[in-house]
Amino acid sequence: MDDDARDAVRLVSEWADAYLAALDGQPVRLPGADDVAARFSGSLPEQGDGALAALRVLLDQGVEASIASAGPRCFHFVTGGVTPAALAADWLAATIDQNGFAWVESPLSGQLEVVSLGWLKELFGLPPEWGGVLTSGATMANFTALAAARQWWGEVHGRDVAAEGTAGLEPLPVLSSGYVHASARKALAMLGVGRDSVRTFARDEAGRLDLPALRAALHELGGSPAVVIGNAGEVNAGDFDPIEALADVAEEHGAWLHVDGAFGLFARAAPSAEALAAGVERAHSVIADGHKWLNVPYDCGFAFVRDPARLGQVFSLSAAYLPDPDDPEPNFGNIGPEASRRARSLTVWATLRAYGRAGYRELVERNLDLAQHLARRVDEAPDLERLAEVPLNIVCFRYRPEGISDEALDELNARLGEEVLTDGRVYVGTTRYAGRVAFRPAIVNWRTREEDIDLLLDVVRELGAGLVTKSAV
């Protein structure tokens, strides 16, 4: 088996070298990807093929069904690439196969998580005394932070909800703007608060915060503890709730302010955008994704909490064979939701050590410049319409040729969105913004260049014109 391991690693390494060399120029999705994926079926074989044979099937047949999301033209969702340092460190993490639960299992993973979280707090301008933990992504980071908020809420009511549950307590009030993300709602569902429990206060169809209405709702609670969710980087247009104003309101009414900054928190790393997230340091909890603008591999996120003790109150676990929850060593399995934890700290530490504050400042600023380039090109095109301002890295627009009604435009753009994904040269999905079907390309990849942005619009316009021609026949 040792020989198998060496040969298998060599095979994949040689393949990866060729893949990375071609990544910038290859389509994001290859034709027939769904059919390729469907080839993988059938019953469990009685006798295995061996490591090399299995891997060759994956490399020769399976990879054609993958999406080149690490490449420069994947603008769907908000998907970062993988920096060289993070990629290599992730391979190292898999090779040494550490469980990042406890110090006794991996002093390396534990110490690098301590250091990485400290560096991230420096990058984002968060107070150094805050607690933090790496998670699998923004959903679990929201879960972690909102679990701490729920614990605080229970304590105000005289209840240790982590130990005793919430039975008999009044519902936890959660308030936000129309920008609140589905992952925060999912976290609230998992916490027993309820995804539909969030009261949203929006002053327009886009979801912008109605601050006076939110303030009035907190006043009506009469001092009862509540959680306010602020949103740093809304997913359709990259907009921000006024975090500083929300911090004022939260302090005024004794509420817990949680900031969902899955990608928008990275505005704090860029001088040209940091004002968008002013006031984040006044929150009680803040989260972000690593596999977005940090450009580390899936899966990675981070949660920060003003009062570190609350994480241990919720997530500690004890058994005779486990380290004592009061062990002074950093045992991150006791302050986060996972007990079995991939050693994500290796990739986070490696990329931050490799490129530093200046490297990430340059990455974010370059992506912001590319977003402005995209916005200008949309504005200049006679058959495109921008639907929102571009405060950060997302450009919300639609294809709008002459002579087509608004209702027909929605249908046309929905069909065009499917065509773009199937075409595969670039990758960008559609959304519904202010009632209109639109594209929402998000630029967060270190590999993306101006020519990739230009190709995005060229493809949209080319395929759009084709659809219009077909419908006219």
Protein backbone atom coordinates (compact mmCIF):
# COMPACT_ATOMS: atom_id res chain seq x y z
CA MET A 1 0.00 0.00 0.00
CA ASP A 2 2.95 2.35 0.55
CA ASP A 3 3.87 1.97 -3.11
CA ASP A 4 0.24 2.64 -4.02
CA ALA A 5 0.31 5.87 -2.03
CA ARG A 6 3.48 7.15 -3.67
CA ASP A 7 2.31 6.21 -7.17
CA ALA A 8 -1.13 7.68 -6.58
CA VAL A 9 0.25 10.99 -5.34
CA ARG A 10 2.68 11.13 -8.27
CA LEU A 11 -0.14 10.46 -10.76
CA VAL A 12 -2.38 13.20 -9.37
CA SER A 13 0.53 15.61 -9.02
CA GLU A 14 1.47 15.23 -12.67
CA TRP A 15 -2.17 15.66 -13.71
CA ALA A 16 -2.56 18.73 -11.48
CA ASP A 17 0.51 20.34 -13.00
CA ALA A 18 -1.02 20.10 -16.49
CA TYR A 19 -4.45 21.19 -15.23
CA LEU A 20 -3.15 24.32 -13.56
CA ALA A 21 -1.06 25.23 -16.60
CA ALA A 22 -4.20 25.21 -18.77
CA LEU A 23 -6.67 26.58 -16.21
CA ASP A 24 -6.67 30.22 -17.29
CA GLY A 25 -7.68 29.35 -20.84
CA GLN A 26 -10.09 26.47 -20.44
CA PRO A 27 -13.90 26.69 -20.39
CA VAL A 28 -15.49 26.78 -16.96
CA ARG A 29 -17.87 23.99 -17.88
CA LEU A 30 -17.21 21.42 -20.59
CA PRO A 31 -19.96 20.25 -22.95
CA GLY A 32 -21.78 17.16 -21.75
CA ALA A 33 -20.76 17.55 -18.11
CA ASP A 34 -24.07 16.13 -16.87
CA ASP A 35 -23.72 13.05 -19.06
CA VAL A 36 -20.16 12.50 -17.87
CA ALA A 37 -21.27 12.69 -14.24
CA ALA A 38 -24.03 10.16 -14.92
CA ARG A 39 -21.44 7.55 -15.92
CA PHE A 40 -20.58 7.13 -12.27
CA SER A 41 -23.20 4.70 -11.07
CA GLY A 42 -23.75 1.03 -10.31
CA SER A 43 -23.29 -1.22 -7.31
CA LEU A 44 -20.30 -1.41 -5.01
CA PRO A 45 -17.71 -3.70 -6.66
CA GLU A 46 -16.85 -6.91 -4.80
CA GLN A 47 -13.18 -6.58 -5.74
CA GLY A 48 -11.62 -3.14 -6.01
CA ASP A 49 -9.60 -1.96 -9.00
CA GLY A 50 -6.71 -0.59 -6.96
CA ALA A 51 -5.70 2.99 -6.28
CA LEU A 52 -4.16 3.81 -9.66
CA ALA A 53 -7.02 2.35 -11.68
CA ALA A 54 -9.64 4.17 -9.63
CA LEU A 55 -7.78 7.46 -9.91
CA ARG A 56 -7.32 7.09 -13.65
CA VAL A 57 -11.08 6.73 -14.04
CA LEU A 58 -11.54 9.96 -12.12
CA LEU A 59 -8.86 11.83 -14.05
CA ASP A 60 -9.67 10.45 -17.49
CA GLN A 61 -13.46 10.47 -17.23
CA GLY A 62 -14.68 12.28 -14.15
CA VAL A 63 -12.94 15.63 -14.23
CA GLU A 64 -14.83 16.55 -17.39
CA ALA A 65 -17.91 16.80 -15.17
CA SER A 66 -16.26 19.24 -12.78
CA ILE A 67 -16.57 23.02 -12.92
CA ALA A 68 -13.35 25.03 -13.30
CA SER A 69 -14.33 27.14 -10.30
CA ALA A 70 -10.70 27.82 -9.43
CA GLY A 71 -10.23 29.53 -12.80
CA PRO A 72 -10.60 33.21 -13.66
CA ARG A 73 -14.03 33.14 -15.35
CA CYS A 74 -16.21 31.53 -12.70
CA PHE A 75 -18.41 34.40 -11.51
CA HIS A 76 -21.28 32.24 -10.22
CA PHE A 77 -22.24 32.58 -6.56
CA VAL A 78 -19.22 34.20 -4.85
CA THR A 79 -16.46 31.70 -5.49
CA GLY A 80 -12.82 32.46 -4.90
CA GLY A 81 -9.92 30.70 -6.54
CA VAL A 82 -7.13 28.92 -4.70
CA THR A 83 -3.83 30.68 -4.13
CA PRO A 84 -0.72 28.57 -4.78
CA ALA A 85 0.22 28.65 -1.10
CA ALA A 86 -3.25 27.58 0.01
CA LEU A 87 -3.41 24.79 -2.58
CA ALA A 88 -0.10 23.28 -1.53
CA ALA A 89 -0.92 23.63 2.17
CA ASP A 90 -4.24 21.88 1.59
CA TRP A 91 -2.40 18.96 0.01
CA LEU A 92 -0.12 18.93 3.04
CA ALA A 93 -3.12 18.94 5.38
CA ALA A 94 -4.59 15.93 3.59
CA THR A 95 -1.26 14.14 3.60
CA ILE A 96 -0.59 14.46 7.32
CA ASP A 97 -4.34 14.01 8.00
CA GLN A 98 -4.70 15.98 11.22
CA ASN A 99 -7.86 16.30 13.28
CA GLY A 100 -8.02 19.90 14.42
CA PHE A 101 -10.25 19.06 17.39
CA ALA A 102 -7.70 19.08 20.19
CA TRP A 103 -4.12 20.14 20.87
CA VAL A 104 -3.18 16.58 21.81
CA GLU A 105 -4.21 15.45 18.31
CA SER A 106 -2.27 18.16 16.49
CA PRO A 107 -0.24 20.90 18.18
CA LEU A 108 0.55 22.17 14.67
CA SER A 109 -3.11 22.58 13.67
CA GLY A 110 -3.99 24.16 17.00
CA GLN A 111 -1.17 26.69 17.01
CA LEU A 112 -1.70 27.65 13.38
CA GLU A 113 -5.40 28.23 14.09
CA VAL A 114 -4.50 30.52 16.98
CA VAL A 115 -2.08 32.46 14.79
CA SER A 116 -4.37 32.53 11.73
CA LEU A 117 -7.34 33.84 13.69
CA GLY A 118 -5.12 36.54 15.16
CA TRP A 119 -3.92 37.53 11.69
CA LEU A 120 -7.48 37.60 10.36
CA LYS A 121 -8.53 39.90 13.19
CA GLU A 122 -5.65 42.19 12.21
CA LEU A 123 -6.68 42.06 8.55
CA PHE A 124 -10.29 42.93 9.37
CA GLY A 125 -9.56 45.44 12.12
CA LEU A 126 -11.31 43.41 14.83
CA PRO A 127 -10.36 43.70 18.52
CA PRO A 128 -7.56 41.25 19.41
CA GLU A 129 -9.34 40.06 22.56
CA TRP A 130 -12.27 38.60 20.59
CA GLY A 131 -12.61 34.83 20.38
CA GLY A 132 -12.76 32.97 17.11
CA VAL A 133 -12.86 29.60 15.41
CA LEU A 134 -12.47 28.24 11.88
CA THR A 135 -15.57 26.58 10.43
CA SER A 136 -16.58 24.83 7.23
CA GLY A 137 -18.02 28.01 5.70
CA ALA A 138 -20.36 30.94 6.23
CA THR A 139 -23.38 28.81 7.12
CA MET A 140 -21.60 27.13 10.01
CA ALA A 141 -19.93 30.39 10.94
CA ASN A 142 -23.38 32.00 11.19
CA PHE A 143 -24.54 28.99 13.19
CA THR A 144 -21.60 29.37 15.56
CA ALA A 145 -22.05 33.09 16.13
CA LEU A 146 -25.83 32.94 16.41
CA ALA A 147 -25.53 30.04 18.86
CA ALA A 148 -23.44 32.36 21.04
CA ALA A 149 -26.14 35.01 20.64
CA ARG A 150 -28.83 32.51 21.66
CA GLN A 151 -26.76 31.60 24.73
CA TRP A 152 -26.57 35.29 25.69
CA TRP A 153 -30.32 35.65 25.18
CA GLY A 154 -30.97 32.67 27.45
CA GLU A 155 -28.74 34.09 30.16
CA VAL A 156 -30.69 37.33 30.14
CA HIS A 157 -33.75 35.18 30.87
CA GLY A 158 -31.89 33.24 33.57
CA ARG A 159 -31.44 30.10 31.49
CA ASP A 160 -28.37 28.19 30.31
CA VAL A 161 -29.91 27.11 27.02
CA ALA A 162 -26.89 25.00 26.02
CA ALA A 163 -27.51 22.85 29.08
CA GLU A 164 -31.25 23.14 29.58
CA GLY A 165 -32.73 24.00 26.19
CA THR A 166 -35.24 26.70 25.35
CA ALA A 167 -38.51 25.06 26.43
CA GLY A 168 -40.79 27.54 28.13
CA LEU A 169 -38.92 30.64 27.00
CA GLU A 170 -40.49 33.30 24.83
CA PRO A 171 -39.35 33.30 21.17
CA LEU A 172 -35.99 34.89 20.45
CA PRO A 173 -36.60 38.11 18.48
CA VAL A 174 -34.39 38.38 15.37
CA LEU A 175 -34.47 41.53 13.24
CA SER A 176 -32.69 42.41 10.00
CA SER A 177 -33.00 44.20 6.68
CA GLY A 178 -34.25 42.62 3.49
CA TYR A 179 -30.64 41.67 2.82
CA VAL A 180 -30.59 38.85 5.38
CA HIS A 181 -29.02 35.80 3.75
CA ALA A 182 -30.46 32.30 3.45
CA SER A 183 -27.49 30.89 5.36
CA ALA A 184 -28.38 32.96 8.43
CA ARG A 185 -31.96 31.72 8.19
CA LYS A 186 -30.68 28.15 7.89
CA ALA A 187 -28.52 28.64 10.99
CA LEU A 188 -31.56 29.90 12.89
CA ALA A 189 -33.50 26.84 11.73
CA MET A 190 -30.78 24.54 13.07
CA LEU A 191 -30.76 26.46 16.36
CA GLY A 192 -34.48 25.96 16.87
CA VAL A 193 -35.18 29.67 16.48
CA GLY A 194 -36.83 29.19 13.10
CA ARG A 195 -35.87 30.37 9.64
CA ASP A 196 -39.14 32.27 9.33
CA SER A 197 -38.75 33.99 12.68
CA VAL A 198 -36.64 36.81 11.24
CA ARG A 199 -38.52 40.11 11.01
CA THR A 200 -37.19 42.13 8.09
CA PHE A 201 -37.45 45.89 7.70
CA ALA A 202 -36.93 47.10 4.14
CA ARG A 203 -37.65 50.47 2.58
CA ASP A 204 -37.65 49.30 -1.02
CA GLU A 205 -37.98 46.25 -3.20
CA ALA A 206 -34.23 45.68 -3.22
CA GLY A 207 -34.28 45.11 0.54
CA ARG A 208 -32.44 48.19 1.82
CA LEU A 209 -32.78 48.66 5.56
CA ASP A 210 -35.62 50.73 6.99
CA LEU A 211 -33.70 51.85 10.06
CA PRO A 212 -36.51 53.85 11.73
CA ALA A 213 -38.84 50.85 11.46
CA LEU A 214 -36.25 48.50 12.95
CA ARG A 215 -35.58 50.95 15.77
CA ALA A 216 -39.31 51.22 16.47
CA ALA A 217 -39.62 47.42 16.57
CA LEU A 218 -36.82 47.20 19.13
CA HIS A 219 -38.52 49.91 21.17
CA GLU A 220 -41.76 47.92 21.14
CA LEU A 221 -39.93 44.97 22.67
CA GLY A 222 -39.52 47.08 25.79
CA GLY A 223 -35.99 46.03 26.58
CA SER A 224 -36.50 42.32 25.90
CA PRO A 225 -33.23 40.90 24.51
CA ALA A 226 -33.09 40.65 20.72
CA VAL A 227 -30.62 39.80 17.97
CA VAL A 228 -30.04 42.22 15.09
CA ILE A 229 -28.40 40.83 11.95
CA GLY A 230 -26.44 43.33 9.89
CA ASN A 231 -25.35 42.38 6.39
CA ALA A 232 -21.95 43.34 5.00
CA GLY A 233 -22.09 42.52 1.31
CA GLU A 234 -25.57 41.65 0.02
CA VAL A 235 -25.47 38.87 -2.54
CA ASN A 236 -27.31 40.48 -5.48
CA ALA A 237 -25.52 43.83 -5.68
CA GLY A 238 -22.83 43.77 -2.98
CA ASP A 239 -24.59 46.43 -0.91
CA PHE A 240 -24.16 46.94 2.83
CA ASP A 241 -26.47 47.63 5.73
CA PRO A 242 -25.33 50.73 7.68
CA ILE A 243 -23.36 48.78 10.27
CA GLU A 244 -22.35 51.83 12.31
CA ALA A 245 -25.99 52.92 12.63
CA LEU A 246 -27.03 49.38 13.54
CA ALA A 247 -24.36 49.34 16.25
CA ASP A 248 -25.82 52.56 17.66
CA VAL A 249 -29.33 51.09 17.69
CA ALA A 250 -28.16 47.81 19.21
CA GLU A 251 -26.37 49.64 22.01
CA GLU A 252 -29.38 51.85 22.61
CA HIS A 253 -31.71 48.87 23.05
CA GLY A 254 -29.32 46.32 24.56
CA ALA A 255 -29.47 44.03 21.53
CA TRP A 256 -26.88 41.60 20.19
CA LEU A 257 -25.50 42.78 16.84
CA HIS A 258 -24.37 40.01 14.53
CA VAL A 259 -22.71 40.92 11.21
CA ASP A 260 -22.87 38.47 8.32
CA GLY A 261 -19.84 39.48 6.26
CA ALA A 262 -19.38 36.33 4.20
CA PHE A 263 -17.45 38.26 1.57
CA GLY A 264 -18.15 41.90 2.46
CA LEU A 265 -15.97 41.75 5.55
CA PHE A 266 -13.01 41.81 3.16
CA ALA A 267 -13.88 45.43 2.38
CA ARG A 268 -12.04 46.10 5.62
CA ALA A 269 -8.82 45.02 3.89
CA ALA A 270 -9.11 47.61 1.10
CA PRO A 271 -8.63 51.35 1.75
CA SER A 272 -11.04 52.24 -1.06
CA ALA A 273 -13.86 50.15 0.44
CA GLU A 274 -13.25 49.93 4.17
CA ALA A 275 -15.79 52.67 4.95
CA LEU A 276 -18.56 50.36 3.73
CA ALA A 277 -18.02 48.12 6.74
CA ALA A 278 -17.37 50.84 9.31
CA GLY A 279 -18.61 49.82 12.74
CA VAL A 280 -18.02 46.08 12.39
CA GLU A 281 -15.67 46.20 15.36
CA ARG A 282 -18.65 47.29 17.51
CA ALA A 283 -20.64 44.13 16.78
CA HIS A 284 -20.98 41.21 19.18
CA SER A 285 -20.22 38.65 16.48
CA VAL A 286 -18.92 38.73 12.91
CA ILE A 287 -18.43 35.99 10.31
CA ALA A 288 -16.85 35.55 6.89
CA ASP A 289 -16.01 32.85 4.35
CA GLY A 290 -12.47 31.76 3.60
CA HIS A 291 -13.27 30.11 0.28
CA LYS A 292 -14.51 33.42 -1.03
CA TRP A 293 -12.11 36.36 -0.95
CA LEU A 294 -9.37 34.68 1.08
CA ASN A 295 -9.02 32.31 -1.91
CA VAL A 296 -8.44 29.14 0.08
CA PRO A 297 -9.93 25.76 -0.92
CA TYR A 298 -13.38 24.61 0.06
CA ASP A 299 -14.36 24.37 2.81
CA CYS A 300 -13.40 27.20 5.14
CA GLY A 301 -15.06 29.97 7.12
CA PHE A 302 -14.49 31.84 10.37
CA ALA A 303 -16.61 33.15 13.22
CA PHE A 304 -15.54 35.84 15.68
CA VAL A 305 -17.31 36.64 18.95
CA ARG A 306 -16.73 39.56 21.28
CA ASP A 307 -17.02 37.36 24.39
CA PRO A 308 -14.90 34.24 23.80
CA ALA A 309 -16.39 32.41 26.78
CA ARG A 310 -19.75 32.06 25.06
CA LEU A 311 -18.33 29.70 22.44
CA GLY A 312 -17.16 27.29 25.11
CA GLN A 313 -20.49 27.51 26.91
CA VAL A 314 -22.27 26.30 23.78
CA PHE A 315 -19.85 23.93 22.10
CA SER A 316 -17.72 22.26 24.77
CA LEU A 317 -18.00 18.49 25.09
CA SER A 318 -16.62 16.19 27.74
CA ALA A 319 -15.99 12.50 28.15
CA ALA A 320 -13.53 10.47 30.17
CA TYR A 321 -11.31 9.94 27.15
CA LEU A 322 -11.38 13.53 25.88
CA PRO A 323 -9.28 16.50 26.97
CA ASP A 324 -10.81 18.39 29.86
CA PRO A 325 -12.89 21.36 28.64
CA ASP A 326 -10.81 23.49 31.04
CA ASP A 327 -7.54 22.34 29.47
CA PRO A 328 -5.47 25.53 28.95
CA GLU A 329 -4.30 24.37 25.52
CA PRO A 330 -6.39 25.61 22.54
CA ASN A 331 -8.86 22.81 21.78
CA PHE A 332 -10.97 24.27 19.01
CA GLY A 333 -13.41 21.37 19.01
CA ASN A 334 -14.65 22.79 22.30
CA ILE A 335 -15.51 26.20 20.87
CA GLY A 336 -16.98 25.28 17.49
CA PRO A 337 -19.67 22.93 16.18
CA GLU A 338 -17.40 20.23 14.77
CA ALA A 339 -15.54 17.63 16.79
CA SER A 340 -14.00 16.05 13.68
CA ARG A 341 -12.28 19.04 12.12
CA ARG A 342 -10.15 19.22 9.00
CA ALA A 343 -6.93 21.10 9.73
CA ARG A 344 -8.03 24.18 7.75
CA SER A 345 -5.59 26.27 9.72
CA LEU A 346 -2.72 25.06 7.52
CA THR A 347 -4.22 26.61 4.39
CA VAL A 348 -5.29 29.82 6.12
CA TRP A 349 -1.92 30.30 7.76
CA ALA A 350 0.00 29.46 4.58
CA THR A 351 -1.84 31.94 2.35
CA LEU A 352 -1.67 34.75 4.92
CA ARG A 353 2.03 34.09 5.53
CA ALA A 354 2.73 33.89 1.79
CA TYR A 355 1.01 37.11 0.71
CA GLY A 356 0.50 39.16 3.86
CA ARG A 357 -1.70 42.16 4.40
CA ALA A 358 -0.33 43.91 1.31
CA GLY A 359 -1.07 40.93 -0.92
CA TYR A 360 -4.69 40.75 0.15
CA ARG A 361 -5.08 44.50 -0.05
CA GLU A 362 -3.88 44.34 -3.65
CA LEU A 363 -6.14 41.37 -4.46
CA VAL A 364 -9.28 43.04 -3.14
CA GLU A 365 -8.48 46.39 -4.75
CA ARG A 366 -7.77 44.74 -8.10
CA ASN A 367 -11.09 42.87 -7.99
CA LEU A 368 -12.87 46.11 -7.12
CA ASP A 369 -11.27 47.80 -10.12
CA LEU A 370 -12.42 44.92 -12.33
CA ALA A 371 -15.97 45.32 -11.02
CA GLN A 372 -15.90 48.99 -11.99
CA HIS A 373 -14.57 48.03 -15.42
CA LEU A 374 -17.46 45.62 -15.82
CA ALA A 375 -19.95 48.30 -14.73
CA ARG A 376 -18.56 50.76 -17.28
CA ARG A 377 -18.81 48.22 -20.07
CA VAL A 378 -22.40 47.43 -19.12
CA ASP A 379 -23.26 51.13 -19.14
CA GLU A 380 -21.66 51.58 -22.55
CA ALA A 381 -23.46 48.64 -24.19
CA PRO A 382 -26.75 49.52 -25.91
CA ASP A 383 -28.27 46.11 -25.15
CA LEU A 384 -27.33 45.87 -21.45
CA GLU A 385 -28.83 47.58 -18.40
CA ARG A 386 -27.22 47.92 -14.99
CA LEU A 387 -29.78 47.61 -12.20
CA ALA A 388 -27.81 48.73 -9.15
CA GLU A 389 -24.84 50.71 -7.98
CA VAL A 390 -21.56 48.80 -7.57
CA PRO A 391 -20.22 49.49 -4.08
CA LEU A 392 -18.03 46.38 -3.98
CA ASN A 393 -17.45 43.43 -6.33
CA ILE A 394 -20.86 42.41 -7.72
CA VAL A 395 -22.36 43.97 -10.85
CA CYS A 396 -26.11 43.42 -11.18
CA PHE A 397 -27.30 43.82 -14.78
CA ARG A 398 -29.58 42.35 -17.40
CA TYR A 399 -29.64 41.86 -21.12
CA ARG A 400 -32.04 44.42 -22.59
CA PRO A 401 -32.33 44.65 -26.36
CA GLU A 402 -34.70 47.17 -27.85
CA GLY A 403 -38.39 46.51 -28.33
CA ILE A 404 -38.95 43.91 -25.58
CA SER A 405 -41.35 44.42 -22.68
CA ASP A 406 -40.30 44.13 -19.05
CA GLU A 407 -42.27 40.91 -18.65
CA ALA A 408 -40.65 39.40 -21.73
CA LEU A 409 -37.23 40.59 -20.51
CA ASP A 410 -37.55 38.45 -17.41
CA GLU A 411 -38.24 35.37 -19.49
CA LEU A 412 -35.46 36.25 -21.93
CA ASN A 413 -32.86 36.74 -19.17
CA ALA A 414 -33.88 33.54 -17.41
CA ARG A 415 -33.41 31.60 -20.66
CA LEU A 416 -30.17 33.45 -21.31
CA GLY A 417 -28.89 32.51 -17.87
CA GLU A 418 -29.40 28.84 -18.69
CA GLU A 419 -27.67 29.30 -22.05
CA VAL A 420 -24.63 30.94 -20.43
CA LEU A 421 -24.19 28.09 -17.95
CA THR A 422 -24.59 25.46 -20.65
CA ASP A 423 -22.21 27.28 -23.00
CA GLY A 424 -19.55 27.11 -20.29
CA ARG A 425 -17.01 29.64 -21.60
CA VAL A 426 -17.86 31.80 -18.60
CA TYR A 427 -20.00 30.92 -15.59
CA VAL A 428 -22.53 33.27 -14.05
CA GLY A 429 -25.99 32.71 -12.66
CA THR A 430 -29.15 34.76 -12.52
CA THR A 431 -31.08 36.15 -9.59
CA ARG A 432 -34.15 38.29 -9.03
CA TYR A 433 -33.28 41.84 -8.01
CA ALA A 434 -35.98 44.41 -7.28
CA GLY A 435 -38.42 42.11 -9.06
CA ARG A 436 -36.33 41.69 -12.20
CA VAL A 437 -34.38 38.69 -13.47
CA ALA A 438 -30.73 39.72 -13.68
CA PHE A 439 -27.15 38.49 -13.76
CA ARG A 440 -24.99 38.98 -10.67
CA PRO A 441 -21.33 38.20 -11.49
CA ALA A 442 -19.13 38.32 -8.39
CA ILE A 443 -15.41 38.98 -8.78
CA VAL A 444 -13.27 37.46 -6.01
CA ASN A 445 -10.66 35.33 -7.80
CA TRP A 446 -6.98 36.24 -7.78
CA ARG A 447 -6.64 34.90 -11.34
CA THR A 448 -9.33 37.09 -12.92
CA ARG A 449 -8.13 39.67 -15.46
CA GLU A 450 -9.73 42.37 -17.56
CA GLU A 451 -9.95 40.08 -20.58
CA ASP A 452 -11.99 37.60 -18.53
CA ILE A 453 -14.44 40.37 -17.68
CA ASP A 454 -14.67 41.38 -21.33
CA LEU A 455 -15.32 37.79 -22.36
CA LEU A 456 -18.17 37.58 -19.85
CA LEU A 457 -20.04 40.42 -21.51
CA ASP A 458 -19.18 39.24 -25.01
CA VAL A 459 -20.69 35.82 -24.26
CA VAL A 460 -23.83 37.27 -22.67
CA ARG A 461 -24.45 39.58 -25.61
CA GLU A 462 -23.65 36.93 -28.22
CA LEU A 463 -25.96 34.32 -26.70
CA GLY A 464 -28.61 36.93 -25.99
CA ALA A 465 -28.65 38.07 -29.60
CA GLY A 466 -28.98 34.44 -30.67
CA LEU A 467 -32.04 33.95 -28.48
CA VAL A 468 -33.66 37.12 -29.83
CA THR A 469 -33.03 35.99 -33.41
CA LYS A 470 -34.54 32.55 -32.73
CA SER A 471 -37.64 34.04 -31.13
CA ALA A 472 -38.14 36.30 -34.14
CA VAL A 473 -38.10 33.44 -36.63
